[in-house]
Every structure is written in C-alpha cells, then in structure tokens.
Amino acid sequence: MTHTPARPLACTKCGHQCGIAEDVESYSDWGPAVIGSDGVVRPQHPDLESGHKHDPHTVRIRAYCQNANCGHQWTLRRRFDSLPEQAAS
C-alpha cells in the first residue's frame, strides 16, 4: 500500500492554504434564577459549580481561506481529526 504524504488543504477558489474551524453549539445551565431590584435576571447561586454546565456539540467543520483577499469558506466534507497523523510503522 502506498502512503500519500500530507499536503496543504487548498482553497477551492484561489488555491491558497486553508485553515479549519469547528463551529460548536453549547449551553450553560445557571440553575435557579432571580430578578434583581434593577430588573435584570441573574442566577440565584452564581458561584454554584454544579449549576453551570456545558454540553458542546459540533454543528459543522468549516474550511476557510487564510488569504485576506479571498475569504472563501465552505463546510468540509472530508473526515476531520484534530489529532496529527500517526507515522507509519
């Protein structure tokens, strides 16, 4: 089996090298809420660790051109792995 060396991801519009961004969505659960005397809603226990939770999940992996004059971006259809490729043994 032939091993193809890694190569830069090129912009489909201008050919410049691209970067990758992972667009994520998450939430923060602050627990019980109170309305302050100023009318602003705040968490009742702002320092409570168990009330603040994140559950991020990936919305899309996006490739973006690093050429400031181009700015092209698109949803990456190839599989994405944030870990470097392992050397062949």
PDB file of N, CA and C in Angstrom:
ATOM      1  N   MET A   1       0.838  -1.176   0.000  1.00  0.00           N
ATOM      2  CA  MET A   1       0.000   0.000   0.000  1.00  0.00           C
ATOM      3  C   MET A   1       0.887   1.244   0.000  1.00  0.00           C
ATOM      4  N   THR A   2       0.605   2.180  -0.874  1.00  0.00           N
ATOM      5  CA  THR A   2       1.385   3.405  -0.987  1.00  0.00           C
ATOM      6  C   THR A   2       0.873   4.447   0.001  1.00  0.00           C
ATOM      7  N   HIS A   3       1.803   5.110   0.685  1.00  0.00           N
ATOM      8  CA  HIS A   3       1.440   6.152   1.644  1.00  0.00           C
ATOM      9  C   HIS A   3       1.575   7.513   0.966  1.00  0.00           C
ATOM     10  N   THR A   4       0.476   8.252   0.886  1.00  0.00           N
ATOM     11  CA  THR A   4       0.496   9.590   0.302  1.00  0.00           C
ATOM     12  C   THR A   4       0.873  10.587   1.392  1.00  0.00           C
ATOM     13  N   PRO A   5       1.891  11.419   1.162  1.00  0.00           N
ATOM     14  CA  PRO A   5       2.287  12.385   2.190  1.00  0.00           C
ATOM     15  C   PRO A   5       1.202  13.450   2.392  1.00  0.00           C
ATOM     16  N   ALA A   6       1.171  14.011   3.598  1.00  0.00           N
ATOM     17  CA  ALA A   6       0.219  15.086   3.894  1.00  0.00           C
ATOM     18  C   ALA A   6       0.513  16.283   2.999  1.00  0.00           C
ATOM     19  N   ARG A   7      -0.538  16.991   2.613  1.00  0.00           N
ATOM     20  CA  ARG A   7      -0.377  18.176   1.767  1.00  0.00           C
ATOM     21  C   ARG A   7      -1.310  19.264   2.291  1.00  0.00           C
ATOM     22  N   PRO A   8      -1.006  20.519   2.021  1.00  0.00           N
ATOM     23  CA  PRO A   8      -1.857  21.607   2.498  1.00  0.00           C
ATOM     24  C   PRO A   8      -3.263  21.522   1.898  1.00  0.00           C
ATOM     25  N   LEU A   9      -4.252  21.883   2.691  1.00  0.00           N
ATOM     26  CA  LEU A   9      -5.622  21.986   2.205  1.00  0.00           C
ATOM     27  C   LEU A   9      -5.720  23.303   1.447  1.00  0.00           C
ATOM     28  N   ALA A  10      -6.036  23.232   0.161  1.00  0.00           N
ATOM     29  CA  ALA A  10      -6.054  24.421  -0.693  1.00  0.00           C
ATOM     30  C   ALA A  10      -7.466  24.966  -0.856  1.00  0.00           C
ATOM     31  N   CYS A  11      -7.559  26.276  -0.946  1.00  0.00           N
ATOM     32  CA  CYS A  11      -8.832  26.950  -1.191  1.00  0.00           C
ATOM     33  C   CYS A  11      -9.340  26.561  -2.575  1.00  0.00           C
ATOM     34  N   THR A  12     -10.623  26.236  -2.654  1.00  0.00           N
ATOM     35  CA  THR A  12     -11.210  25.848  -3.936  1.00  0.00           C
ATOM     36  C   THR A  12     -11.434  27.045  -4.848  1.00  0.00           C
ATOM     37  N   LYS A  13     -11.263  28.251  -4.316  1.00  0.00           N
ATOM     38  CA  LYS A  13     -11.464  29.462  -5.120  1.00  0.00           C
ATOM     39  C   LYS A  13     -10.140  30.055  -5.613  1.00  0.00           C
ATOM     40  N   CYS A  14      -9.142  30.198  -4.695  1.00  0.00           N
ATOM     41  CA  CYS A  14      -7.895  30.865  -5.092  1.00  0.00           C
ATOM     42  C   CYS A  14      -6.653  29.986  -4.983  1.00  0.00           C
ATOM     43  N   GLY A  15      -6.755  28.817  -4.333  1.00  0.00           N
ATOM     44  CA  GLY A  15      -5.626  27.907  -4.221  1.00  0.00           C
ATOM     45  C   GLY A  15      -4.729  28.131  -3.015  1.00  0.00           C
ATOM     46  N   HIS A  16      -4.957  29.194  -2.235  1.00  0.00           N
ATOM     47  CA  HIS A  16      -4.156  29.491  -1.046  1.00  0.00           C
ATOM     48  C   HIS A  16      -4.451  28.452   0.040  1.00  0.00           C
ATOM     49  N   GLN A  17      -3.533  28.276   0.986  1.00  0.00           N
ATOM     50  CA  GLN A  17      -3.754  27.306   2.060  1.00  0.00           C
ATOM     51  C   GLN A  17      -4.920  27.734   2.949  1.00  0.00           C
ATOM     52  N   CYS A  18      -5.664  26.734   3.429  1.00  0.00           N
ATOM     53  CA  CYS A  18      -6.840  26.981   4.264  1.00  0.00           C
ATOM     54  C   CYS A  18      -6.608  26.548   5.697  1.00  0.00           C
ATOM     55  N   GLY A  19      -7.418  27.090   6.571  1.00  0.00           N
ATOM     56  CA  GLY A  19      -7.471  26.682   7.969  1.00  0.00           C
ATOM     57  C   GLY A  19      -8.780  25.944   8.207  1.00  0.00           C
ATOM     58  N   ILE A  20      -8.920  25.379   9.399  1.00  0.00           N
ATOM     59  CA  ILE A  20     -10.128  24.641   9.763  1.00  0.00           C
ATOM     60  C   ILE A  20     -10.698  25.254  11.033  1.00  0.00           C
ATOM     61  N   ALA A  21     -12.000  25.450  11.050  1.00  0.00           N
ATOM     62  CA  ALA A  21     -12.700  25.927  12.245  1.00  0.00           C
ATOM     63  C   ALA A  21     -13.807  24.940  12.573  1.00  0.00           C
ATOM     64  N   GLU A  22     -13.967  24.679  13.845  1.00  0.00           N
ATOM     65  CA  GLU A  22     -15.029  23.785  14.301  1.00  0.00           C
ATOM     66  C   GLU A  22     -16.105  24.663  14.933  1.00  0.00           C
ATOM     67  N   ASP A  23     -17.238  24.783  14.270  1.00  0.00           N
ATOM     68  CA  ASP A  23     -18.351  25.563  14.804  1.00  0.00           C
ATOM     69  C   ASP A  23     -19.110  24.680  15.785  1.00  0.00           C
ATOM     70  N   VAL A  24     -19.225  25.133  17.020  1.00  0.00           N
ATOM     71  CA  VAL A  24     -19.885  24.339  18.055  1.00  0.00           C
ATOM     72  C   VAL A  24     -21.062  25.099  18.644  1.00  0.00           C
ATOM     73  N   GLU A  25     -21.940  24.339  19.247  1.00  0.00           N
ATOM     74  CA  GLU A  25     -23.089  24.900  19.941  1.00  0.00           C
ATOM     75  C   GLU A  25     -23.082  24.289  21.335  1.00  0.00           C
ATOM     76  N   SER A  26     -23.356  25.093  22.340  1.00  0.00           N
ATOM     77  CA  SER A  26     -23.383  24.565  23.699  1.00  0.00           C
ATOM     78  C   SER A  26     -24.406  25.340  24.520  1.00  0.00           C
ATOM     79  N   TYR A  27     -24.528  24.979  25.769  1.00  0.00           N
ATOM     80  CA  TYR A  27     -25.422  25.707  26.652  1.00  0.00           C
ATOM     81  C   TYR A  27     -24.766  25.842  28.015  1.00  0.00           C
ATOM     82  N   SER A  28     -25.228  26.813  28.785  1.00  0.00           N
ATOM     83  CA  SER A  28     -24.819  26.991  30.166  1.00  0.00           C
ATOM     84  C   SER A  28     -26.076  26.985  31.015  1.00  0.00           C
ATOM     85  N   ASP A  29     -26.161  26.063  31.937  1.00  0.00           N
ATOM     86  CA  ASP A  29     -27.302  25.967  32.841  1.00  0.00           C
ATOM     87  C   ASP A  29     -26.896  26.639  34.146  1.00  0.00           C
ATOM     88  N   TRP A  30     -27.436  27.791  34.407  1.00  0.00           N
ATOM     89  CA  TRP A  30     -27.063  28.559  35.590  1.00  0.00           C
ATOM     90  C   TRP A  30     -27.904  28.205  36.809  1.00  0.00           C
ATOM     91  N   GLY A  31     -28.850  27.306  36.672  1.00  0.00           N
ATOM     92  CA  GLY A  31     -29.685  26.922  37.807  1.00  0.00           C
ATOM     93  C   GLY A  31     -30.798  27.929  38.056  1.00  0.00           C
ATOM     94  N   PRO A  32     -31.330  27.969  39.302  1.00  0.00           N
ATOM     95  CA  PRO A  32     -32.441  28.861  39.619  1.00  0.00           C
ATOM     96  C   PRO A  32     -32.091  30.320  39.341  1.00  0.00           C
ATOM     97  N   ALA A  33     -33.087  31.068  38.892  1.00  0.00           N
ATOM     98  CA  ALA A  33     -32.880  32.477  38.543  1.00  0.00           C
ATOM     99  C   ALA A  33     -33.672  33.392  39.471  1.00  0.00           C
ATOM    100  N   VAL A  34     -33.174  34.613  39.620  1.00  0.00           N
ATOM    101  CA  VAL A  34     -33.871  35.649  40.383  1.00  0.00           C
ATOM    102  C   VAL A  34     -33.891  36.925  39.559  1.00  0.00           C
ATOM    103  N   ILE A  35     -34.866  37.783  39.831  1.00  0.00           N
ATOM    104  CA  ILE A  35     -34.924  39.099  39.194  1.00  0.00           C
ATOM    105  C   ILE A  35     -34.447  40.107  40.226  1.00  0.00           C
ATOM    106  N   GLY A  36     -33.378  40.823  39.902  1.00  0.00           N
ATOM    107  CA  GLY A  36     -32.811  41.807  40.816  1.00  0.00           C
ATOM    108  C   GLY A  36     -33.666  43.059  40.908  1.00  0.00           C
ATOM    109  N   SER A  37     -33.346  43.915  41.871  1.00  0.00           N
ATOM    110  CA  SER A  37     -34.089  45.164  42.057  1.00  0.00           C
ATOM    111  C   SER A  37     -33.959  46.084  40.844  1.00  0.00           C
ATOM    112  N   ASP A  38     -32.933  45.855  40.029  1.00  0.00           N
ATOM    113  CA  ASP A  38     -32.739  46.643  38.806  1.00  0.00           C
ATOM    114  C   ASP A  38     -33.464  46.041  37.607  1.00  0.00           C
ATOM    115  N   GLY A  39     -34.188  44.928  37.818  1.00  0.00           N
ATOM    116  CA  GLY A  39     -34.947  44.295  36.743  1.00  0.00           C
ATOM    117  C   GLY A  39     -34.157  43.305  35.905  1.00  0.00           C
ATOM    118  N   VAL A  40     -32.887  43.093  36.246  1.00  0.00           N
ATOM    119  CA  VAL A  40     -32.031  42.182  35.485  1.00  0.00           C
ATOM    120  C   VAL A  40     -32.145  40.772  36.061  1.00  0.00           C
ATOM    121  N   VAL A  41     -32.294  39.778  35.179  1.00  0.00           N
ATOM    122  CA  VAL A  41     -32.350  38.378  35.602  1.00  0.00           C
ATOM    123  C   VAL A  41     -30.928  37.869  35.800  1.00  0.00           C
ATOM    124  N   ARG A  42     -30.714  37.214  36.942  1.00  0.00           N
ATOM    125  CA  ARG A  42     -29.390  36.686  37.277  1.00  0.00           C
ATOM    126  C   ARG A  42     -29.541  35.299  37.893  1.00  0.00           C
ATOM    127  N   PRO A  43     -28.453  34.501  37.901  1.00  0.00           N
ATOM    128  CA  PRO A  43     -28.521  33.218  38.604  1.00  0.00           C
ATOM    129  C   PRO A  43     -28.624  33.458  40.113  1.00  0.00           C
ATOM    130  N   GLN A  44     -29.432  32.653  40.776  1.00  0.00           N
ATOM    131  CA  GLN A  44     -29.589  32.784  42.221  1.00  0.00           C
ATOM    132  C   GLN A  44     -28.292  32.431  42.943  1.00  0.00           C
ATOM    133  N   HIS A  45     -27.572  31.441  42.448  1.00  0.00           N
ATOM    134  CA  HIS A  45     -26.315  30.991  43.053  1.00  0.00           C
ATOM    135  C   HIS A  45     -25.218  31.050  41.990  1.00  0.00           C
ATOM    136  N   PRO A  46     -24.658  32.243  41.685  1.00  0.00           N
ATOM    137  CA  PRO A  46     -23.711  32.374  40.567  1.00  0.00           C
ATOM    138  C   PRO A  46     -22.408  31.599  40.740  1.00  0.00           C
ATOM    139  N   ASP A  47     -22.031  31.272  41.972  1.00  0.00           N
ATOM    140  CA  ASP A  47     -20.775  30.550  42.199  1.00  0.00           C
ATOM    141  C   ASP A  47     -20.976  29.052  42.354  1.00  0.00           C
ATOM    142  N   LEU A  48     -22.200  28.588  42.177  1.00  0.00           N
ATOM    143  CA  LEU A  48     -22.510  27.175  42.330  1.00  0.00           C
ATOM    144  C   LEU A  48     -21.969  26.402  41.133  1.00  0.00           C
ATOM    145  N   GLU A  49     -20.954  25.564  41.361  1.00  0.00           N
ATOM    146  CA  GLU A  49     -20.321  24.820  40.264  1.00  0.00           C
ATOM    147  C   GLU A  49     -21.276  23.868  39.563  1.00  0.00           C
ATOM    148  N   SER A  50     -22.126  23.198  40.328  1.00  0.00           N
ATOM    149  CA  SER A  50     -22.998  22.188  39.722  1.00  0.00           C
ATOM    150  C   SER A  50     -24.088  22.804  38.845  1.00  0.00           C
ATOM    151  N   GLY A  51     -24.335  24.099  38.971  1.00  0.00           N
ATOM    152  CA  GLY A  51     -25.365  24.738  38.160  1.00  0.00           C
ATOM    153  C   GLY A  51     -24.882  25.184  36.798  1.00  0.00           C
ATOM    154  N   HIS A  52     -23.587  25.213  36.572  1.00  0.00           N
ATOM    155  CA  HIS A  52     -23.022  25.720  35.321  1.00  0.00           C
ATOM    156  C   HIS A  52     -22.490  24.543  34.517  1.00  0.00           C
ATOM    157  N   LYS A  53     -23.180  24.184  33.452  1.00  0.00           N
ATOM    158  CA  LYS A  53     -22.797  23.013  32.670  1.00  0.00           C
ATOM    159  C   LYS A  53     -22.653  23.375  31.197  1.00  0.00           C
ATOM    160  N   HIS A  54     -21.729  22.727  30.552  1.00  0.00           N
ATOM    161  CA  HIS A  54     -21.553  22.901  29.110  1.00  0.00           C
ATOM    162  C   HIS A  54     -21.748  21.543  28.453  1.00  0.00           C
ATOM    163  N   ASP A  55     -22.410  21.540  27.359  1.00  0.00           N
ATOM    164  CA  ASP A  55     -22.588  20.306  26.595  1.00  0.00           C
ATOM    165  C   ASP A  55     -22.334  20.638  25.130  1.00  0.00           C
ATOM    166  N   PRO A  56     -21.057  20.944  24.790  1.00  0.00           N
ATOM    167  CA  PRO A  56     -20.795  21.357  23.409  1.00  0.00           C
ATOM    168  C   PRO A  56     -20.955  20.207  22.420  1.00  0.00           C
ATOM    169  N   HIS A  57     -21.495  20.513  21.276  1.00  0.00           N
ATOM    170  CA  HIS A  57     -21.517  19.544  20.180  1.00  0.00           C
ATOM    171  C   HIS A  57     -21.236  20.293  18.883  1.00  0.00           C
ATOM    172  N   THR A  58     -20.586  19.603  17.990  1.00  0.00           N
ATOM    173  CA  THR A  58     -20.163  20.212  16.735  1.00  0.00           C
ATOM    174  C   THR A  58     -21.349  20.426  15.813  1.00  0.00           C
ATOM    175  N   VAL A  59     -21.469  21.645  15.313  1.00  0.00           N
ATOM    176  CA  VAL A  59     -22.503  21.975  14.339  1.00  0.00           C
ATOM    177  C   VAL A  59     -21.976  21.682  12.939  1.00  0.00           C
ATOM    178  N   ARG A  60     -20.745  22.131  12.670  1.00  0.00           N
ATOM    179  CA  ARG A  60     -20.110  21.846  11.383  1.00  0.00           C
ATOM    180  C   ARG A  60     -18.614  22.083  11.484  1.00  0.00           C
ATOM    181  N   ILE A  61     -17.880  21.447  10.582  1.00  0.00           N
ATOM    182  CA  ILE A  61     -16.451  21.698  10.418  1.00  0.00           C
ATOM    183  C   ILE A  61     -16.338  22.547   9.163  1.00  0.00           C
ATOM    184  N   ARG A  62     -15.660  23.686   9.295  1.00  0.00           N
ATOM    185  CA  ARG A  62     -15.608  24.660   8.217  1.00  0.00           C
ATOM    186  C   ARG A  62     -14.163  24.899   7.799  1.00  0.00           C
ATOM    187  N   ALA A  63     -13.921  24.871   6.498  1.00  0.00           N
ATOM    188  CA  ALA A  63     -12.619  25.252   5.951  1.00  0.00           C
ATOM    189  C   ALA A  63     -12.717  26.723   5.561  1.00  0.00           C
ATOM    190  N   TYR A  64     -11.649  27.478   5.835  1.00  0.00           N
ATOM    191  CA  TYR A  64     -11.654  28.897   5.470  1.00  0.00           C
ATOM    192  C   TYR A  64     -10.307  29.278   4.870  1.00  0.00           C
ATOM    193  N   CYS A  65     -10.368  30.096   3.843  1.00  0.00           N
ATOM    194  CA  CYS A  65      -9.153  30.534   3.162  1.00  0.00           C
ATOM    195  C   CYS A  65      -8.409  31.522   4.050  1.00  0.00           C
ATOM    196  N   GLN A  66      -7.099  31.330   4.186  1.00  0.00           N
ATOM    197  CA  GLN A  66      -6.285  32.222   5.002  1.00  0.00           C
ATOM    198  C   GLN A  66      -5.789  33.436   4.221  1.00  0.00           C
ATOM    199  N   ASN A  67      -6.146  33.510   2.947  1.00  0.00           N
ATOM    200  CA  ASN A  67      -5.794  34.657   2.119  1.00  0.00           C
ATOM    201  C   ASN A  67      -6.792  35.779   2.416  1.00  0.00           C
ATOM    202  N   ALA A  68      -6.308  36.888   2.973  1.00  0.00           N
ATOM    203  CA  ALA A  68      -7.181  38.005   3.358  1.00  0.00           C
ATOM    204  C   ALA A  68      -7.942  38.590   2.171  1.00  0.00           C
ATOM    205  N   ASN A  69      -7.413  38.452   0.973  1.00  0.00           N
ATOM    206  CA  ASN A  69      -8.086  38.989  -0.214  1.00  0.00           C
ATOM    207  C   ASN A  69      -9.148  38.048  -0.770  1.00  0.00           C
ATOM    208  N   CYS A  70      -9.224  36.835  -0.241  1.00  0.00           N
ATOM    209  CA  CYS A  70     -10.187  35.856  -0.743  1.00  0.00           C
ATOM    210  C   CYS A  70     -11.341  35.687   0.245  1.00  0.00           C
ATOM    211  N   GLY A  71     -11.054  35.134   1.422  1.00  0.00           N
ATOM    212  CA  GLY A  71     -12.073  34.964   2.447  1.00  0.00           C
ATOM    213  C   GLY A  71     -13.089  33.860   2.195  1.00  0.00           C
ATOM    214  N   HIS A  72     -12.862  33.029   1.176  1.00  0.00           N
ATOM    215  CA  HIS A  72     -13.795  31.948   0.855  1.00  0.00           C
ATOM    216  C   HIS A  72     -13.845  30.940   2.003  1.00  0.00           C
ATOM    217  N   GLN A  73     -15.018  30.390   2.261  1.00  0.00           N
ATOM    218  CA  GLN A  73     -15.164  29.337   3.266  1.00  0.00           C
ATOM    219  C   GLN A  73     -16.268  28.386   2.854  1.00  0.00           C
ATOM    220  N   TRP A  74     -16.174  27.159   3.342  1.00  0.00           N
ATOM    221  CA  TRP A  74     -17.164  26.148   2.987  1.00  0.00           C
ATOM    222  C   TRP A  74     -17.174  25.060   4.050  1.00  0.00           C
ATOM    223  N   THR A  75     -18.255  24.303   4.097  1.00  0.00           N
ATOM    224  CA  THR A  75     -18.361  23.172   5.011  1.00  0.00           C
ATOM    225  C   THR A  75     -17.482  22.048   4.490  1.00  0.00           C
ATOM    226  N   LEU A  76     -16.593  21.567   5.340  1.00  0.00           N
ATOM    227  CA  LEU A  76     -15.675  20.500   4.962  1.00  0.00           C
ATOM    228  C   LEU A  76     -16.442  19.186   4.870  1.00  0.00           C
ATOM    229  N   ARG A  77     -16.312  18.501   3.755  1.00  0.00           N
ATOM    230  CA  ARG A  77     -16.994  17.216   3.582  1.00  0.00           C
ATOM    231  C   ARG A  77     -16.101  16.027   3.898  1.00  0.00           C
ATOM    232  N   ARG A  78     -14.798  16.255   3.946  1.00  0.00           N
ATOM    233  CA  ARG A  78     -13.874  15.177   4.315  1.00  0.00           C
ATOM    234  C   ARG A  78     -13.953  14.939   5.822  1.00  0.00           C
ATOM    235  N   ARG A  79     -13.545  13.745   6.242  1.00  0.00           N
ATOM    236  CA  ARG A  79     -13.489  13.442   7.675  1.00  0.00           C
ATOM    237  C   ARG A  79     -12.440  14.333   8.322  1.00  0.00           C
ATOM    238  N   PHE A  80     -12.703  14.837   9.520  1.00  0.00           N
ATOM    239  CA  PHE A  80     -11.778  15.710  10.237  1.00  0.00           C
ATOM    240  C   PHE A  80     -11.328  15.029  11.521  1.00  0.00           C
ATOM    241  N   ASP A  81     -10.025  15.053  11.782  1.00  0.00           N
ATOM    242  CA  ASP A  81      -9.464  14.526  13.021  1.00  0.00           C
ATOM    243  C   ASP A  81      -8.515  15.583  13.560  1.00  0.00           C
ATOM    244  N   SER A  82      -8.721  16.020  14.790  1.00  0.00           N
ATOM    245  CA  SER A  82      -7.891  17.085  15.358  1.00  0.00           C
ATOM    246  C   SER A  82      -6.520  16.593  15.818  1.00  0.00           C
ATOM    247  N   LEU A  83      -6.306  15.280  15.798  1.00  0.00           N
ATOM    248  CA  LEU A  83      -5.009  14.731  16.185  1.00  0.00           C
ATOM    249  C   LEU A  83      -4.110  14.577  14.965  1.00  0.00           C
ATOM    250  N   PRO A  84      -2.795  14.803  15.131  1.00  0.00           N
ATOM    251  CA  PRO A  84      -1.882  14.643  13.995  1.00  0.00           C
ATOM    252  C   PRO A  84      -1.858  13.202  13.495  1.00  0.00           C
ATOM    253  N   GLU A  85      -1.538  13.047  12.227  1.00  0.00           N
ATOM    254  CA  GLU A  85      -1.453  11.717  11.615  1.00  0.00           C
ATOM    255  C   GLU A  85      -0.314  10.934  12.254  1.00  0.00           C
ATOM    256  N   GLN A  86      -0.566   9.675  12.553  1.00  0.00           N
ATOM    257  CA  GLN A  86       0.455   8.813  13.148  1.00  0.00           C
ATOM    258  C   GLN A  86       1.420   8.349  12.061  1.00  0.00           C
ATOM    259  N   ALA A  87       2.693   8.319  12.401  1.00  0.00           N
ATOM    260  CA  ALA A  87       3.708   7.848  11.452  1.00  0.00           C
ATOM    261  C   ALA A  87       3.505   6.362  11.180  1.00  0.00           C
ATOM    262  N   ALA A  88       3.712   5.971   9.934  1.00  0.00           N
ATOM    263  CA  ALA A  88       3.582   4.552   9.554  1.00  0.00           C
ATOM    264  C   ALA A  88       4.704   3.759  10.209  1.00  0.00           C
ATOM    265  N   SER A  89       4.359   2.589  10.717  1.00  0.00           N
ATOM    266  CA  SER A  89       5.398   1.768  11.372  1.00  0.00           C
ATOM    267  C   SER A  89       5.891   0.674  10.461  1.00  0.00           C
TER     268      SER A  89
END
